[in-house]
Structure formats: structure tokens, C-alpha cells
N, C-alpha and C. Protein backbone atom coordinates (compact mmCIF):
# COMPACT_ATOMS: atom_id res chain seq x y z
N UNK A 1 -94.02 -39.54 -18.45
CA UNK A 1 -94.79 -38.65 -17.72
C UNK A 1 -94.00 -37.61 -17.10
N UNK A 2 -92.66 -38.24 -16.32
CA UNK A 2 -91.92 -37.56 -15.57
C UNK A 2 -91.12 -36.58 -16.50
N UNK A 3 -90.80 -36.66 -17.85
CA UNK A 3 -90.23 -35.85 -18.52
C UNK A 3 -91.18 -34.55 -18.79
N UNK A 4 -92.35 -34.98 -19.15
CA UNK A 4 -93.48 -33.72 -19.15
C UNK A 4 -93.73 -32.89 -18.03
N UNK A 5 -93.58 -33.50 -16.81
CA UNK A 5 -93.51 -32.66 -15.57
C UNK A 5 -92.33 -31.58 -15.50
N UNK A 6 -91.26 -32.41 -15.56
CA UNK A 6 -89.85 -31.76 -15.76
C UNK A 6 -89.87 -30.66 -16.63
N UNK A 7 -90.31 -30.56 -17.97
CA UNK A 7 -90.44 -29.60 -18.93
C UNK A 7 -91.29 -28.48 -18.39
N UNK A 8 -92.55 -28.86 -18.00
CA UNK A 8 -93.46 -28.04 -17.37
C UNK A 8 -92.94 -27.04 -16.32
N UNK A 9 -92.13 -27.65 -15.39
CA UNK A 9 -91.52 -27.16 -14.22
C UNK A 9 -90.45 -26.25 -14.72
N UNK A 10 -89.63 -26.74 -15.65
CA UNK A 10 -88.54 -25.74 -16.30
C UNK A 10 -89.11 -24.40 -17.00
N UNK A 11 -90.37 -24.72 -17.69
CA UNK A 11 -90.94 -23.76 -18.32
C UNK A 11 -91.47 -22.59 -17.45
N UNK A 12 -92.27 -23.05 -16.38
CA UNK A 12 -92.88 -22.26 -15.34
C UNK A 12 -91.54 -21.56 -14.71
N UNK A 13 -90.34 -21.97 -14.39
CA UNK A 13 -89.21 -21.29 -13.62
C UNK A 13 -88.84 -20.25 -14.71
N UNK A 14 -88.56 -20.93 -15.85
CA UNK A 14 -88.12 -19.52 -16.86
C UNK A 14 -89.13 -18.47 -17.09
N UNK A 15 -90.49 -18.71 -17.05
CA UNK A 15 -91.34 -17.58 -16.98
C UNK A 15 -91.05 -16.66 -15.89
N UNK A 16 -91.15 -17.36 -14.80
CA UNK A 16 -90.73 -16.44 -13.61
C UNK A 16 -89.74 -15.70 -13.58
N UNK A 17 -88.65 -16.17 -13.78
CA UNK A 17 -87.16 -15.22 -14.02
C UNK A 17 -87.27 -14.52 -15.05
N UNK A 18 -87.83 -14.62 -16.11
CA UNK A 18 -88.32 -13.76 -17.20
C UNK A 18 -88.97 -12.56 -16.75
N UNK A 19 -90.06 -12.82 -15.98
CA UNK A 19 -91.05 -11.96 -15.49
C UNK A 19 -90.08 -10.74 -14.39
N UNK A 20 -89.33 -11.60 -13.52
CA UNK A 20 -88.69 -10.67 -12.30
C UNK A 20 -87.57 -10.09 -13.21
N UNK A 21 -86.93 -10.67 -14.16
CA UNK A 21 -85.96 -9.34 -15.01
C UNK A 21 -86.77 -8.49 -15.69
N UNK A 22 -87.74 -8.48 -16.24
CA UNK A 22 -88.56 -7.60 -16.89
C UNK A 22 -88.89 -6.41 -16.03
N UNK A 23 -89.18 -6.79 -14.86
CA UNK A 23 -89.68 -5.84 -13.81
C UNK A 23 -88.44 -5.06 -13.21
N UNK A 24 -87.30 -5.80 -12.89
CA UNK A 24 -85.95 -5.05 -12.36
C UNK A 24 -85.28 -4.08 -13.53
N UNK A 25 -85.80 -4.39 -14.79
CA UNK A 25 -85.00 -4.04 -15.75
C UNK A 25 -86.00 -2.62 -16.19
N UNK A 26 -85.65 -1.62 -15.64
CA UNK A 26 -86.41 -0.39 -15.78
C UNK A 26 -85.72 0.36 -16.91
N UNK A 27 -84.57 0.72 -16.84
CA UNK A 27 -83.76 1.53 -17.74
C UNK A 27 -82.62 0.60 -18.39
N UNK A 28 -82.50 0.91 -19.63
CA UNK A 28 -81.62 0.35 -20.73
C UNK A 28 -80.85 1.27 -21.48
N UNK A 29 -79.79 0.52 -22.04
CA UNK A 29 -79.00 1.23 -23.05
C UNK A 29 -79.58 1.12 -24.36
N UNK A 30 -79.65 2.08 -25.24
CA UNK A 30 -80.16 1.73 -26.74
C UNK A 30 -79.42 2.50 -27.63
N UNK A 31 -79.07 2.05 -28.70
CA UNK A 31 -78.33 2.34 -29.88
C UNK A 31 -79.05 3.61 -30.35
N UNK A 32 -79.04 4.71 -30.63
CA UNK A 32 -79.63 6.06 -31.30
C UNK A 32 -78.84 6.56 -32.45
N UNK A 33 -77.49 6.14 -32.43
CA UNK A 33 -76.82 6.97 -33.48
C UNK A 33 -76.27 5.72 -34.56
N UNK A 34 -75.36 6.23 -35.28
CA UNK A 34 -74.40 7.33 -35.09
C UNK A 34 -74.79 8.55 -35.62
N UNK A 35 -75.70 8.76 -36.87
CA UNK A 35 -75.96 9.96 -37.32
C UNK A 35 -76.97 10.95 -36.49
N UNK A 36 -76.43 12.18 -36.69
CA UNK A 36 -77.05 13.29 -35.81
C UNK A 36 -78.61 13.22 -36.44
N UNK A 37 -79.50 13.67 -35.54
CA UNK A 37 -80.93 13.75 -35.82
C UNK A 37 -81.63 12.49 -35.10
N UNK A 38 -81.17 11.98 -34.16
CA UNK A 38 -82.12 10.77 -33.51
C UNK A 38 -83.15 11.34 -32.47
N UNK A 39 -84.20 10.73 -32.07
CA UNK A 39 -85.18 11.15 -31.34
C UNK A 39 -85.01 10.60 -29.83
N UNK A 40 -85.05 11.07 -29.00
CA UNK A 40 -85.20 10.91 -27.67
C UNK A 40 -86.37 11.38 -26.93
N UNK A 41 -87.24 10.60 -26.30
CA UNK A 41 -88.46 11.31 -25.61
C UNK A 41 -89.30 12.10 -26.54
N UNK A 42 -89.42 11.93 -27.75
CA UNK A 42 -90.21 12.67 -28.71
C UNK A 42 -89.32 13.99 -29.16
N UNK A 43 -88.23 13.94 -28.77
CA UNK A 43 -87.46 15.30 -29.07
C UNK A 43 -86.22 15.11 -30.22
N UNK A 44 -86.04 15.51 -31.13
CA UNK A 44 -85.26 15.49 -32.36
C UNK A 44 -83.75 15.88 -31.87
N UNK A 45 -82.70 15.28 -31.45
CA UNK A 45 -81.40 15.52 -30.96
C UNK A 45 -80.55 15.66 -32.07
N UNK A 46 -79.66 16.51 -32.24
CA UNK A 46 -78.62 17.03 -33.21
C UNK A 46 -77.44 17.08 -32.58
N UNK A 47 -76.23 16.81 -32.96
CA UNK A 47 -74.97 17.10 -32.52
C UNK A 47 -73.92 17.30 -33.51
N UNK A 48 -72.91 17.91 -33.24
CA UNK A 48 -71.63 17.89 -34.21
C UNK A 48 -70.43 17.90 -33.15
N UNK A 49 -69.33 17.28 -33.83
CA UNK A 49 -69.02 16.87 -35.02
C UNK A 49 -70.00 15.52 -35.40
N UNK A 50 -70.47 15.11 -36.40
CA UNK A 50 -71.16 14.19 -36.85
C UNK A 50 -70.66 13.56 -38.03
N UNK A 51 -70.93 12.13 -38.09
CA UNK A 51 -71.35 11.23 -37.08
C UNK A 51 -70.26 10.54 -36.58
N UNK A 52 -71.07 10.27 -35.49
CA UNK A 52 -69.83 9.44 -34.23
C UNK A 52 -70.01 8.00 -34.78
N UNK A 53 -69.04 7.33 -34.36
CA UNK A 53 -69.18 5.70 -34.81
C UNK A 53 -70.12 5.03 -34.07
N UNK A 54 -70.39 5.57 -33.12
CA UNK A 54 -71.60 4.89 -31.96
C UNK A 54 -72.19 5.85 -30.98
N UNK A 55 -73.60 5.83 -30.83
CA UNK A 55 -74.17 6.69 -29.80
C UNK A 55 -75.15 5.78 -29.24
N UNK A 56 -74.89 5.94 -27.69
CA UNK A 56 -75.99 5.14 -26.93
C UNK A 56 -76.52 5.84 -26.03
N UNK A 57 -77.95 5.62 -25.79
CA UNK A 57 -78.68 6.44 -24.84
C UNK A 57 -79.18 5.42 -23.55
N UNK A 58 -78.91 5.99 -22.36
CA UNK A 58 -79.52 5.42 -21.20
C UNK A 58 -80.57 6.14 -20.49
N UNK A 59 -81.85 5.48 -20.67
CA UNK A 59 -83.00 5.99 -20.41
C UNK A 59 -83.25 5.99 -18.65
N UNK A 60 -82.29 6.11 -17.85
CA UNK A 60 -82.47 6.25 -16.46
C UNK A 60 -81.47 7.20 -16.10
N UNK A 61 -81.21 7.24 -14.43
CA UNK A 61 -80.38 8.36 -13.91
C UNK A 61 -79.24 7.29 -13.31
N UNK A 62 -77.97 7.58 -14.18
CA UNK A 62 -76.95 7.00 -13.57
C UNK A 62 -76.40 7.74 -12.32
N UNK A 63 -76.10 7.09 -11.36
CA UNK A 63 -75.47 7.62 -10.31
C UNK A 63 -74.65 6.72 -9.43
N UNK A 64 -73.62 7.24 -9.02
CA UNK A 64 -73.14 8.71 -8.79
C UNK A 64 -72.84 9.33 -10.36
N UNK A 65 -72.37 10.60 -10.24
CA UNK A 65 -72.10 11.05 -11.74
C UNK A 65 -70.54 11.43 -11.75
N UNK A 66 -69.78 11.03 -10.75
CA UNK A 66 -68.28 11.38 -10.85
C UNK A 66 -67.49 10.94 -12.26
N UNK A 67 -66.66 11.51 -12.77
CA UNK A 67 -65.86 11.07 -13.75
C UNK A 67 -65.62 9.49 -13.68
N UNK A 68 -65.08 9.02 -12.41
CA UNK A 68 -64.56 7.84 -12.35
C UNK A 68 -65.91 6.82 -12.41
N UNK A 69 -67.09 7.02 -11.98
CA UNK A 69 -68.10 6.36 -12.01
C UNK A 69 -68.65 6.15 -13.59
N UNK A 70 -68.87 7.42 -14.29
CA UNK A 70 -69.33 7.35 -15.64
C UNK A 70 -68.17 6.46 -16.33
N UNK A 71 -66.80 6.67 -16.09
CA UNK A 71 -65.82 5.75 -16.60
C UNK A 71 -66.28 4.26 -17.00
N UNK A 72 -66.43 3.79 -15.37
CA UNK A 72 -66.79 2.49 -15.42
C UNK A 72 -68.19 1.99 -16.00
N UNK A 73 -69.01 2.84 -16.14
CA UNK A 73 -70.23 2.62 -16.91
C UNK A 73 -69.72 2.52 -18.26
N UNK A 74 -68.96 3.44 -18.89
CA UNK A 74 -68.73 3.45 -20.36
C UNK A 74 -67.86 2.29 -20.46
N UNK A 75 -67.07 1.64 -19.69
CA UNK A 75 -66.30 0.49 -19.90
C UNK A 75 -67.12 -0.81 -19.89
N UNK A 76 -68.13 -0.75 -19.18
CA UNK A 76 -69.03 -1.82 -19.20
C UNK A 76 -69.93 -2.03 -20.51
N UNK A 77 -70.41 -0.93 -20.77
CA UNK A 77 -71.46 -0.85 -22.09
C UNK A 77 -70.62 -0.98 -23.15
N UNK A 78 -69.51 -0.25 -23.46
CA UNK A 78 -68.60 -0.48 -24.90
C UNK A 78 -67.76 -1.57 -24.80
N UNK A 79 -67.42 -1.98 -23.60
CA UNK A 79 -66.46 -3.17 -23.64
C UNK A 79 -65.15 -2.67 -23.66
N UNK A 80 -64.98 -1.32 -23.14
CA UNK A 80 -63.46 -1.16 -23.28
C UNK A 80 -62.70 -0.89 -22.18
N UNK A 81 -61.54 -0.17 -21.95
CA UNK A 81 -60.93 0.15 -20.81
C UNK A 81 -60.34 1.46 -20.91
N UNK A 82 -61.43 2.33 -20.87
CA UNK A 82 -60.75 3.67 -20.87
C UNK A 82 -59.96 4.35 -19.48
N UNK A 83 -59.06 5.11 -19.78
CA UNK A 83 -58.30 5.63 -18.57
C UNK A 83 -59.05 6.80 -17.85
N UNK A 84 -58.64 7.43 -17.21
CA UNK A 84 -59.34 8.72 -16.58
C UNK A 84 -59.92 9.63 -17.31
N UNK A 85 -60.71 10.42 -16.92
CA UNK A 85 -61.54 11.40 -17.78
C UNK A 85 -60.27 12.35 -17.95
N UNK A 86 -60.31 12.62 -19.59
CA UNK A 86 -59.14 13.76 -19.75
C UNK A 86 -59.50 15.23 -19.72
N UNK A 87 -61.02 15.44 -19.56
CA UNK A 87 -61.55 16.78 -19.60
C UNK A 87 -63.05 16.34 -18.92
N UNK A 88 -63.45 17.42 -18.21
CA UNK A 88 -65.14 17.31 -17.78
C UNK A 88 -65.36 18.69 -17.36
N UNK A 89 -66.62 18.95 -17.20
CA UNK A 89 -67.23 20.13 -16.57
C UNK A 89 -68.77 19.74 -16.19
N UNK A 90 -69.20 20.31 -15.22
CA UNK A 90 -70.42 20.40 -14.52
C UNK A 90 -71.22 21.52 -14.73
N UNK A 91 -72.37 21.47 -15.32
CA UNK A 91 -73.32 22.62 -15.67
C UNK A 91 -72.44 23.67 -16.56
N UNK A 92 -72.76 25.13 -16.14
CA UNK A 92 -71.97 25.78 -17.21
C UNK A 92 -70.67 26.40 -16.41
N UNK A 93 -69.75 25.81 -16.30
CA UNK A 93 -68.46 26.07 -16.04
C UNK A 93 -67.28 26.34 -17.10
N UNK A 94 -66.24 26.56 -16.78
CA UNK A 94 -65.28 26.69 -17.82
C UNK A 94 -65.41 25.58 -18.80
N UNK A 95 -65.26 25.89 -19.96
CA UNK A 95 -65.27 25.04 -21.26
C UNK A 95 -66.37 24.20 -21.63
N UNK A 96 -67.56 24.74 -20.96
CA UNK A 96 -68.88 24.38 -21.61
C UNK A 96 -69.82 25.42 -20.97
N UNK A 97 -71.01 25.28 -21.93
CA UNK A 97 -72.24 26.03 -21.68
C UNK A 97 -73.46 25.23 -21.81
N UNK A 98 -74.34 26.02 -20.96
CA UNK A 98 -75.57 25.24 -21.04
C UNK A 98 -76.86 25.88 -22.06
N UNK A 99 -76.33 26.72 -22.90
CA UNK A 99 -77.14 27.18 -24.00
C UNK A 99 -78.03 28.26 -23.34
N UNK A 100 -78.93 28.74 -24.22
CA UNK A 100 -79.91 29.63 -24.14
C UNK A 100 -81.01 29.26 -23.12
N UNK A 101 -81.23 27.82 -22.86
CA UNK A 101 -82.09 27.30 -22.16
C UNK A 101 -81.40 26.45 -20.98
N UNK A 102 -80.82 26.96 -20.24
CA UNK A 102 -79.90 26.12 -19.21
C UNK A 102 -80.85 25.14 -18.25
N UNK A 103 -82.06 25.83 -17.88
CA UNK A 103 -82.97 24.88 -16.87
C UNK A 103 -83.69 24.15 -17.79
N UNK A 104 -84.04 24.31 -19.00
CA UNK A 104 -84.96 23.50 -19.73
C UNK A 104 -84.39 22.72 -21.21
N UNK A 105 -84.86 21.79 -21.38
CA UNK A 105 -84.02 21.11 -22.56
C UNK A 105 -84.36 21.77 -23.90
N UNK A 106 -83.76 21.43 -25.01
CA UNK A 106 -83.97 22.04 -26.31
C UNK A 106 -82.74 23.07 -26.80
N UNK A 107 -82.34 23.53 -25.70
CA UNK A 107 -81.33 24.81 -26.16
C UNK A 107 -79.87 24.19 -26.80
N UNK A 108 -79.26 24.94 -27.22
CA UNK A 108 -77.85 24.49 -27.85
C UNK A 108 -76.79 24.62 -26.67
N UNK A 109 -76.35 23.26 -26.62
CA UNK A 109 -75.21 23.12 -25.48
C UNK A 109 -73.90 23.02 -26.24
N UNK A 110 -72.75 23.39 -25.48
CA UNK A 110 -71.51 22.94 -26.04
C UNK A 110 -70.47 22.73 -25.12
N UNK A 111 -69.41 22.05 -25.69
CA UNK A 111 -68.16 21.71 -24.69
C UNK A 111 -66.95 21.78 -25.57
N UNK A 112 -65.98 22.26 -25.00
CA UNK A 112 -64.70 22.37 -25.54
C UNK A 112 -63.91 21.78 -24.63
N UNK A 113 -63.11 20.94 -25.09
CA UNK A 113 -62.00 20.21 -24.21
C UNK A 113 -60.78 20.66 -24.48
N UNK A 114 -59.78 20.88 -23.55
CA UNK A 114 -58.40 21.18 -23.66
C UNK A 114 -57.74 19.74 -24.04
N UNK A 115 -58.13 18.64 -24.16
CA UNK A 115 -57.46 17.50 -24.51
C UNK A 115 -58.37 16.73 -25.60
N UNK A 116 -57.65 16.05 -26.63
CA UNK A 116 -58.31 15.04 -27.45
C UNK A 116 -58.87 13.89 -26.76
N UNK A 117 -60.06 13.67 -27.04
CA UNK A 117 -60.97 12.55 -26.69
C UNK A 117 -61.71 11.87 -27.67
N UNK A 118 -62.04 10.33 -27.54
CA UNK A 118 -63.02 9.80 -28.53
C UNK A 118 -64.15 9.14 -27.82
N UNK A 119 -64.28 9.35 -26.42
CA UNK A 119 -65.64 9.27 -25.91
C UNK A 119 -66.02 10.48 -25.26
N UNK A 120 -67.49 10.62 -25.22
CA UNK A 120 -68.05 11.73 -24.72
C UNK A 120 -69.43 11.64 -23.84
N UNK A 121 -69.41 11.42 -22.53
CA UNK A 121 -70.81 11.20 -21.88
C UNK A 121 -71.35 12.56 -21.56
N UNK A 122 -72.72 12.72 -21.87
CA UNK A 122 -73.39 13.95 -21.45
C UNK A 122 -74.64 13.70 -20.67
N UNK A 123 -74.84 14.14 -19.57
CA UNK A 123 -75.91 13.74 -18.55
C UNK A 123 -77.08 14.96 -18.73
N UNK A 124 -78.24 14.61 -18.69
CA UNK A 124 -79.23 15.57 -18.95
C UNK A 124 -80.47 15.13 -18.16
N UNK A 125 -81.12 15.82 -17.25
CA UNK A 125 -82.48 15.06 -16.80
C UNK A 125 -82.10 13.87 -16.17
N UNK A 126 -82.85 12.91 -16.46
CA UNK A 126 -82.53 11.53 -15.93
C UNK A 126 -82.07 10.66 -17.20
N UNK A 127 -81.36 11.12 -17.94
CA UNK A 127 -80.67 10.02 -19.19
C UNK A 127 -79.30 10.57 -19.28
N UNK A 128 -78.66 9.37 -20.04
CA UNK A 128 -77.09 9.71 -20.43
C UNK A 128 -76.92 9.39 -21.68
N UNK A 129 -76.11 10.40 -22.40
CA UNK A 129 -75.83 9.98 -23.98
C UNK A 129 -74.44 9.62 -23.96
N UNK A 130 -73.95 8.72 -24.70
CA UNK A 130 -72.41 8.34 -24.71
C UNK A 130 -72.24 8.26 -26.33
N UNK A 131 -71.26 9.13 -26.59
CA UNK A 131 -70.78 9.26 -28.04
C UNK A 131 -69.32 8.72 -27.99
N UNK A 132 -69.07 7.92 -29.07
CA UNK A 132 -67.79 7.33 -29.49
C UNK A 132 -67.39 7.48 -30.91
N UNK A 133 -66.32 8.10 -31.17
CA UNK A 133 -65.87 8.57 -32.48
C UNK A 133 -64.54 7.69 -32.81
N UNK A 134 -64.38 7.45 -34.31
CA UNK A 134 -63.46 6.34 -34.68
C UNK A 134 -62.02 6.90 -34.41
N UNK A 135 -61.91 8.25 -34.39
CA UNK A 135 -60.48 9.00 -34.09
C UNK A 135 -60.92 9.88 -33.12
N UNK A 136 -59.96 10.16 -32.42
CA UNK A 136 -59.99 11.24 -31.20
C UNK A 136 -60.30 12.63 -31.86
N UNK A 137 -61.43 13.34 -31.34
CA UNK A 137 -61.52 14.76 -31.67
C UNK A 137 -60.38 15.48 -31.17
N UNK A 138 -60.01 16.51 -31.73
CA UNK A 138 -58.63 17.34 -31.33
C UNK A 138 -58.98 18.14 -30.40
N UNK A 139 -58.02 18.22 -29.61
CA UNK A 139 -58.01 19.24 -28.37
C UNK A 139 -58.38 20.55 -28.85
N UNK A 140 -59.38 21.23 -28.31
CA UNK A 140 -59.88 22.46 -28.55
C UNK A 140 -61.14 22.51 -29.55
N UNK A 141 -61.37 21.19 -29.81
CA UNK A 141 -62.57 21.16 -30.88
C UNK A 141 -64.04 21.41 -29.88
N UNK A 142 -64.87 21.94 -30.47
CA UNK A 142 -66.02 22.07 -29.73
C UNK A 142 -67.14 21.41 -30.17
N UNK A 143 -67.59 20.50 -29.07
CA UNK A 143 -68.92 19.61 -29.30
C UNK A 143 -70.37 20.26 -29.12
N UNK A 144 -71.14 20.20 -30.00
CA UNK A 144 -72.45 20.93 -29.51
C UNK A 144 -73.49 19.81 -29.62
N UNK A 145 -74.39 20.17 -28.88
CA UNK A 145 -75.78 19.12 -28.88
C UNK A 145 -77.09 20.02 -28.91
N UNK A 146 -78.07 19.91 -29.37
CA UNK A 146 -79.16 20.44 -29.38
C UNK A 146 -80.42 19.70 -29.36
N UNK A 147 -81.40 19.98 -28.76
CA UNK A 147 -82.64 19.41 -28.80
C UNK A 147 -83.01 18.33 -27.67
N UNK A 148 -82.03 18.51 -26.84
CA UNK A 148 -82.20 17.55 -25.45
C UNK A 148 -83.51 17.62 -24.98
N UNK A 149 -84.14 16.61 -24.64
CA UNK A 149 -85.60 16.58 -23.89
C UNK A 149 -85.49 17.57 -22.56
N UNK A 150 -84.33 17.32 -21.97
CA UNK A 150 -84.22 17.99 -20.27
C UNK A 150 -82.91 18.86 -20.45
N UNK A 151 -82.80 19.63 -19.43
CA UNK A 151 -81.59 20.31 -19.29
C UNK A 151 -80.29 19.46 -19.08
N UNK A 152 -79.37 20.02 -19.61
CA UNK A 152 -77.94 19.17 -19.53
C UNK A 152 -77.24 19.69 -18.06
N UNK A 153 -76.70 18.35 -17.73
CA UNK A 153 -76.07 18.61 -16.19
C UNK A 153 -74.53 18.52 -16.37
N UNK A 154 -73.93 17.81 -17.21
CA UNK A 154 -72.46 17.73 -17.40
C UNK A 154 -71.93 17.09 -18.52
N UNK A 155 -70.75 17.21 -18.67
CA UNK A 155 -70.00 16.44 -19.83
C UNK A 155 -68.79 15.79 -19.06
N UNK A 156 -68.56 14.61 -19.72
CA UNK A 156 -67.23 13.70 -19.17
C UNK A 156 -66.46 13.27 -20.50
N UNK A 157 -65.37 13.65 -20.63
CA UNK A 157 -64.62 13.05 -21.98
C UNK A 157 -63.25 12.25 -21.60
N UNK A 158 -63.30 11.34 -22.64
CA UNK A 158 -62.03 9.87 -22.44
C UNK A 158 -61.73 9.81 -23.54
N UNK A 159 -60.32 9.27 -23.27
CA UNK A 159 -59.59 8.69 -24.73
C UNK A 159 -59.38 7.37 -24.30
N UNK A 160 -59.65 6.62 -25.50
CA UNK A 160 -59.37 5.32 -25.44
C UNK A 160 -57.83 4.82 -24.85
N UNK A 161 -57.67 3.83 -24.22
CA UNK A 161 -56.51 3.36 -23.69
C UNK A 161 -55.54 2.86 -24.76
N UNK A 162 -54.42 3.37 -24.90
CA UNK A 162 -53.41 2.78 -25.89
C UNK A 162 -52.41 2.14 -25.19
N UNK A 163 -52.12 0.81 -25.71
CA UNK A 163 -51.40 -0.39 -24.99
C UNK A 163 -50.04 0.48 -24.97
N UNK A 164 -49.24 -0.14 -23.80
CA UNK A 164 -48.00 0.36 -23.47
C UNK A 164 -47.06 -0.42 -24.32
N UNK A 165 -45.77 0.24 -24.78
CA UNK A 165 -44.87 -0.45 -25.51
C UNK A 165 -44.31 -1.89 -24.89
N UNK A 166 -44.58 -1.92 -23.58
CA UNK A 166 -44.21 -3.24 -23.20
C UNK A 166 -45.29 -4.42 -23.52
N UNK A 167 -46.69 -4.01 -23.82
CA UNK A 167 -47.60 -5.05 -24.25
C UNK A 167 -47.27 -5.22 -25.74
N UNK A 168 -46.83 -4.44 -26.51
CA UNK A 168 -46.51 -4.72 -27.77
C UNK A 168 -45.40 -5.75 -27.70
N UNK A 169 -44.27 -5.56 -27.03
CA UNK A 169 -43.40 -6.39 -26.98
C UNK A 169 -43.44 -7.65 -26.60
N UNK A 170 -44.32 -7.79 -25.54
CA UNK A 170 -45.02 -9.23 -24.97
C UNK A 170 -45.54 -9.87 -26.17
N UNK A 171 -46.52 -9.05 -26.89
CA UNK A 171 -47.07 -9.90 -27.99
C UNK A 171 -46.10 -10.34 -29.17
N UNK A 172 -45.24 -9.53 -29.39
CA UNK A 172 -44.17 -9.82 -30.39
C UNK A 172 -43.36 -11.23 -29.98
N UNK A 173 -42.96 -10.93 -28.61
CA UNK A 173 -42.14 -12.41 -28.10
C UNK A 173 -43.15 -13.34 -28.31
N UNK A 174 -44.35 -13.44 -27.95
CA UNK A 174 -45.27 -14.58 -27.99
C UNK A 174 -45.45 -15.19 -29.21
N UNK A 175 -45.51 -14.16 -30.48
CA UNK A 175 -45.74 -14.67 -31.87
C UNK A 175 -44.24 -15.44 -32.17
N UNK A 176 -43.08 -14.66 -31.52
CA UNK A 176 -42.06 -15.34 -32.22
C UNK A 176 -41.77 -16.69 -31.40
N UNK A 177 -42.25 -16.99 -30.21
CA UNK A 177 -42.22 -18.27 -29.66
C UNK A 177 -42.97 -19.28 -30.50
N UNK A 178 -44.16 -18.83 -30.77
CA UNK A 178 -45.09 -19.60 -31.76
C UNK A 178 -44.55 -20.10 -32.95
N UNK A 179 -43.87 -19.04 -33.86
CA UNK A 179 -43.33 -19.18 -34.94
C UNK A 179 -42.14 -20.22 -34.65
N UNK A 180 -41.45 -19.88 -33.73
CA UNK A 180 -40.13 -20.87 -33.44
C UNK A 180 -40.72 -22.54 -33.15
N UNK A 181 -41.84 -22.45 -32.46
CA UNK A 181 -42.29 -23.80 -32.04
C UNK A 181 -42.92 -24.52 -33.17
N UNK A 182 -43.54 -23.85 -34.37
CA UNK A 182 -44.10 -24.22 -35.37
C UNK A 182 -42.96 -24.52 -36.40
N UNK A 183 -41.98 -23.99 -36.46
CA UNK A 183 -41.07 -24.26 -37.41
C UNK A 183 -40.06 -25.53 -36.88
N UNK A 184 -40.02 -25.51 -35.41
CA UNK A 184 -39.20 -26.78 -34.75
C UNK A 184 -40.05 -28.21 -35.08
N UNK A 185 -41.38 -28.06 -35.13
CA UNK A 185 -42.30 -29.14 -35.36
C UNK A 185 -42.08 -29.57 -36.90
N UNK A 186 -42.09 -28.71 -37.68
CA UNK A 186 -41.92 -28.75 -39.33
C UNK A 186 -40.40 -29.61 -39.23
N UNK A 187 -39.68 -29.20 -38.66
CA UNK A 187 -37.98 -29.77 -38.69
C UNK A 187 -38.17 -31.21 -38.62
N UNK A 188 -38.94 -31.70 -37.49
CA UNK A 188 -38.98 -33.13 -37.09
C UNK A 188 -39.85 -33.90 -37.92
């Protein structure tokens, strides 16, 4: 009888934790790509260059919106370690446009980065789209997006961290030591 009571207690605790987690989890990250033409809030969103390797949508308001903060969000969601933003712009400033319908969603928006990048975060209304390409887009390439359900606020472009030469040297040294140890064991 004691084990049945214990199981019932654990089940009720698990149900309470699940209920609390569901209530606290209002906004989530969702895979919506990689292909262009995905649906967000009833609106068909298209982008070029397409396809990206991965596209994720956050259905909430990420704050603050500084390039450093967005970098942290991307690192957490994609499991990467991006460096500082290589390029960014807010609203319709140098290097980006808010299209013909800047205040409302649905217009064609564009971003041209002076530096190569393979991660791009765009913030609109109370949502965030993050694109990741397999290879960096070349400096001067123009990214366009159309059909956003709300007005676009900013762009944040990043490039994947490339290991330093010292990292490769340490990896090779470690592999050399492992090979030496294996060979030494075989000799015995």
C-alpha cells in the first residue's frame, strides 16, 4: 500500500510541475524553415536567399534587443558560440529598408551587410526570426523578407565562430598523445 501512495504522490507532483511549466511557457521557439514560404500568424513569409539551413521563430518579445543580447539568445537556441555582431541596423537606417509598408507587416524588407554572415536575426512586432545558412552569405549580399505579420524593427547579423589555430594545435597534440599511448600499449 505504501508504494501505491508513493506512486500517487509522485504522479500528482509531476502533474503540478507540468501545469506550472505550461503556464510559464507562453512563448516558444519553433522550427519554421528552411524553405521559403512558411506561415506565421496566418501570413505567408518568403525570403531570399533561400533555403537557409534552419529557420526558427520565437512567438514572443525578446528584450532587450541589443546585438549582444540577441547573440546570447542565438547561442542558447542553436547551441553555438557566435562572436559579436558583424553587422546590424535598426528600422530603416543605413544598409536596411523597411519596405513600402514600414509601419505595417506584409511589405518587402531588405538588409545588406558589409560583412559576411551565416546567422541573421530579424525582429518584428513581438516576434523573432533567426536564419542560419550552411555557408556564410557574402559581404554585400542582400537579404529580403516579405509577408511578415507585423512591422520589422531590426536586423542582427553574425558569423559562426572559427576555431583559433591554437585550438587545432591542441587537438592535434592530444591526438598525437593518444596515438603514442595506444602504440606503447601494443608494444607491451
